[in-house]
Amino acid sequence: MSADSNREHVRIQTDALVDYTGTEVLLFHKIENLSLGGLSIFSATVEPEGTQVYLSLNFPDLNASVELEGEVVWSRDQAPKEMGIKFINLSAQDEEILTRYIEARAQ
């Protein structure tokens, strides 16, 4: 059984970009994977676990964007640097946009 089969949400690989604000403001970071629960990203710098971040995801093909709050749940400070962020207080509208994006790419 793979780790993905134990996940609560479908996780997709994507080349979408995210801007995030934590202790620094970082723009145009590649999303490694995305689900309704959160995302993981590659970054030149990473935030420590527990850091609250604000995310801006843009989906041009849906003509939509979402502004989300998240919390860093894991980070790797060795190359390739990356971190996992879980979404907090996801609104119904943001969840609907994320669902449309994920379902279109999960097929």
C-alpha atoms as a PDB file:
ATOM      1  CA  MET A   1       0.000   0.000   0.000  1.00  0.00           C
ATOM      2  CA  SER A   2       1.431   3.382  -0.963  1.00  0.00           C
ATOM      3  CA  ALA A   3       1.478   6.440   1.271  1.00  0.00           C
ATOM      4  CA  ASP A   4      -0.868   8.173  -1.193  1.00  0.00           C
ATOM      5  CA  SER A   5      -3.585   5.587  -0.578  1.00  0.00           C
ATOM      6  CA  ASN A   6      -3.643   6.666   3.086  1.00  0.00           C
ATOM      7  CA  ARG A   7      -4.138  10.340   2.273  1.00  0.00           C
ATOM      8  CA  GLU A   8      -7.401  12.100   3.038  1.00  0.00           C
ATOM      9  CA  HIS A   9      -7.330  14.105  -0.227  1.00  0.00           C
ATOM     10  CA  VAL A  10      -6.303  13.355  -3.801  1.00  0.00           C
ATOM     11  CA  ARG A  11      -2.850  14.805  -4.426  1.00  0.00           C
ATOM     12  CA  ILE A  12      -1.773  15.920  -7.900  1.00  0.00           C
ATOM     13  CA  GLN A  13       1.545  16.883  -9.428  1.00  0.00           C
ATOM     14  CA  THR A  14       1.388  20.349 -10.953  1.00  0.00           C
ATOM     15  CA  ASP A  15       3.580  23.035 -12.407  1.00  0.00           C
ATOM     16  CA  ALA A  16       1.433  25.827 -10.958  1.00  0.00           C
ATOM     17  CA  LEU A  17       3.109  28.666  -9.092  1.00  0.00           C
ATOM     18  CA  VAL A  18       2.414  30.128  -5.671  1.00  0.00           C
ATOM     19  CA  ASP A  19       3.394  33.341  -3.920  1.00  0.00           C
ATOM     20  CA  TYR A  20       3.701  33.105  -0.166  1.00  0.00           C
ATOM     21  CA  THR A  21       4.337  35.378   2.758  1.00  0.00           C
ATOM     22  CA  GLY A  22       5.859  34.029   5.950  1.00  0.00           C
ATOM     23  CA  THR A  23       8.905  35.561   7.580  1.00  0.00           C
ATOM     24  CA  GLU A  24       9.798  36.604   4.018  1.00  0.00           C
ATOM     25  CA  VAL A  25       7.765  37.400   0.919  1.00  0.00           C
ATOM     26  CA  LEU A  26       8.601  34.931  -1.826  1.00  0.00           C
ATOM     27  CA  LEU A  27       7.109  35.070  -5.294  1.00  0.00           C
ATOM     28  CA  PHE A  28       6.666  32.547  -8.097  1.00  0.00           C
ATOM     29  CA  HIS A  29       7.544  29.307  -6.351  1.00  0.00           C
ATOM     30  CA  LYS A  30       6.842  26.003  -8.046  1.00  0.00           C
ATOM     31  CA  ILE A  31       4.224  23.831  -6.408  1.00  0.00           C
ATOM     32  CA  GLU A  32       5.464  20.248  -6.242  1.00  0.00           C
ATOM     33  CA  ASN A  33       2.053  18.789  -5.470  1.00  0.00           C
ATOM     34  CA  LEU A  34      -1.351  20.023  -4.411  1.00  0.00           C
ATOM     35  CA  SER A  35      -4.445  18.676  -2.652  1.00  0.00           C
ATOM     36  CA  LEU A  36      -7.469  20.101  -0.860  1.00  0.00           C
ATOM     37  CA  GLY A  37      -5.514  19.688   2.353  1.00  0.00           C
ATOM     38  CA  GLY A  38      -2.391  21.580   1.348  1.00  0.00           C
ATOM     39  CA  LEU A  39       0.624  21.683  -0.914  1.00  0.00           C
ATOM     40  CA  SER A  40       4.348  21.177  -1.012  1.00  0.00           C
ATOM     41  CA  ILE A  41       6.692  23.625  -2.673  1.00  0.00           C
ATOM     42  CA  PHE A  42      10.334  23.999  -3.579  1.00  0.00           C
ATOM     43  CA  SER A  43      11.879  27.194  -2.259  1.00  0.00           C
ATOM     44  CA  ALA A  44      15.261  28.889  -1.919  1.00  0.00           C
ATOM     45  CA  THR A  45      14.511  29.298   1.790  1.00  0.00           C
ATOM     46  CA  VAL A  46      12.141  27.362   4.018  1.00  0.00           C
ATOM     47  CA  GLU A  47      10.099  28.316   7.039  1.00  0.00           C
ATOM     48  CA  PRO A  48      10.266  26.358  10.308  1.00  0.00           C
ATOM     49  CA  GLU A  49       7.466  23.969  11.221  1.00  0.00           C
ATOM     50  CA  GLY A  50       4.518  25.773  12.778  1.00  0.00           C
ATOM     51  CA  THR A  51       5.062  29.030  10.855  1.00  0.00           C
ATOM     52  CA  GLN A  52       1.843  30.626   9.624  1.00  0.00           C
ATOM     53  CA  VAL A  53       2.016  31.616   5.946  1.00  0.00           C
ATOM     54  CA  TYR A  54      -0.269  33.333   3.481  1.00  0.00           C
ATOM     55  CA  LEU A  55      -0.540  31.867   0.007  1.00  0.00           C
ATOM     56  CA  SER A  56      -1.711  33.239  -3.297  1.00  0.00           C
ATOM     57  CA  LEU A  57      -2.408  30.628  -5.991  1.00  0.00           C
ATOM     58  CA  ASN A  58      -3.362  31.710  -9.493  1.00  0.00           C
ATOM     59  CA  PHE A  59      -5.164  29.402 -11.929  1.00  0.00           C
ATOM     60  CA  PRO A  60      -5.204  31.243 -15.288  1.00  0.00           C
ATOM     61  CA  ASP A  61      -6.987  28.415 -17.112  1.00  0.00           C
ATOM     62  CA  LEU A  62      -9.880  28.735 -14.599  1.00  0.00           C
ATOM     63  CA  ASN A  63      -9.673  32.535 -14.602  1.00  0.00           C
ATOM     64  CA  ALA A  64      -9.508  32.268 -10.814  1.00  0.00           C
ATOM     65  CA  SER A  65      -7.175  32.728  -7.896  1.00  0.00           C
ATOM     66  CA  VAL A  66      -7.294  31.892  -4.209  1.00  0.00           C
ATOM     67  CA  GLU A  67      -5.796  33.627  -1.207  1.00  0.00           C
ATOM     68  CA  LEU A  68      -5.206  31.069   1.548  1.00  0.00           C
ATOM     69  CA  GLU A  69      -3.860  30.818   5.046  1.00  0.00           C
ATOM     70  CA  GLY A  70      -1.598  27.894   5.850  1.00  0.00           C
ATOM     71  CA  GLU A  71       0.761  26.382   8.363  1.00  0.00           C
ATOM     72  CA  VAL A  72       4.134  24.793   7.617  1.00  0.00           C
ATOM     73  CA  VAL A  73       3.886  21.175   8.770  1.00  0.00           C
ATOM     74  CA  TRP A  74       7.297  19.993   7.566  1.00  0.00           C
ATOM     75  CA  SER A  75      10.345  21.481   5.916  1.00  0.00           C
ATOM     76  CA  ARG A  76      13.634  20.266   4.499  1.00  0.00           C
ATOM     77  CA  ASP A  77      16.488  22.759   4.702  1.00  0.00           C
ATOM     78  CA  GLN A  78      18.825  20.703   2.491  1.00  0.00           C
ATOM     79  CA  ALA A  79      18.819  20.778  -1.295  1.00  0.00           C
ATOM     80  CA  PRO A  80      16.367  20.522  -2.804  1.00  0.00           C
ATOM     81  CA  LYS A  81      14.788  22.743  -0.155  1.00  0.00           C
ATOM     82  CA  GLU A  82      11.058  22.204   0.169  1.00  0.00           C
ATOM     83  CA  MET A  83       8.226  22.443   2.644  1.00  0.00           C
ATOM     84  CA  GLY A  84       4.734  21.106   3.183  1.00  0.00           C
ATOM     85  CA  ILE A  85       1.958  23.518   4.036  1.00  0.00           C
ATOM     86  CA  LYS A  86      -1.515  22.569   5.249  1.00  0.00           C
ATOM     87  CA  PHE A  87      -4.405  24.892   4.471  1.00  0.00           C
ATOM     88  CA  ILE A  88      -6.193  26.544   7.392  1.00  0.00           C
ATOM     89  CA  ASN A  89      -9.750  27.921   7.331  1.00  0.00           C
ATOM     90  CA  LEU A  90     -10.368  27.054   3.676  1.00  0.00           C
ATOM     91  CA  SER A  91     -13.485  28.917   2.503  1.00  0.00           C
ATOM     92  CA  ALA A  92     -16.195  27.144   0.506  1.00  0.00           C
ATOM     93  CA  GLN A  93     -15.372  29.295  -2.534  1.00  0.00           C
ATOM     94  CA  ASP A  94     -11.647  28.526  -2.342  1.00  0.00           C
ATOM     95  CA  GLU A  95     -12.390  24.825  -1.857  1.00  0.00           C
ATOM     96  CA  GLU A  96     -14.596  24.867  -4.960  1.00  0.00           C
ATOM     97  CA  ILE A  97     -11.856  26.476  -7.078  1.00  0.00           C
ATOM     98  CA  LEU A  98      -9.226  24.038  -5.789  1.00  0.00           C
ATOM     99  CA  THR A  99     -11.571  21.100  -6.405  1.00  0.00           C
ATOM    100  CA  ARG A 100     -12.171  22.162 -10.028  1.00  0.00           C
ATOM    101  CA  TYR A 101      -8.431  22.558 -10.614  1.00  0.00           C
ATOM    102  CA  ILE A 102      -7.497  19.244  -9.000  1.00  0.00           C
ATOM    103  CA  GLU A 103     -10.281  17.243 -10.669  1.00  0.00           C
ATOM    104  CA  ALA A 104      -9.328  18.598 -14.105  1.00  0.00           C
ATOM    105  CA  ARG A 105      -5.752  17.373 -13.632  1.00  0.00           C
ATOM    106  CA  ALA A 106      -6.384  14.130 -11.758  1.00  0.00           C
ATOM    107  CA  GLN A 107      -7.946  12.444 -14.782  1.00  0.00           C
END
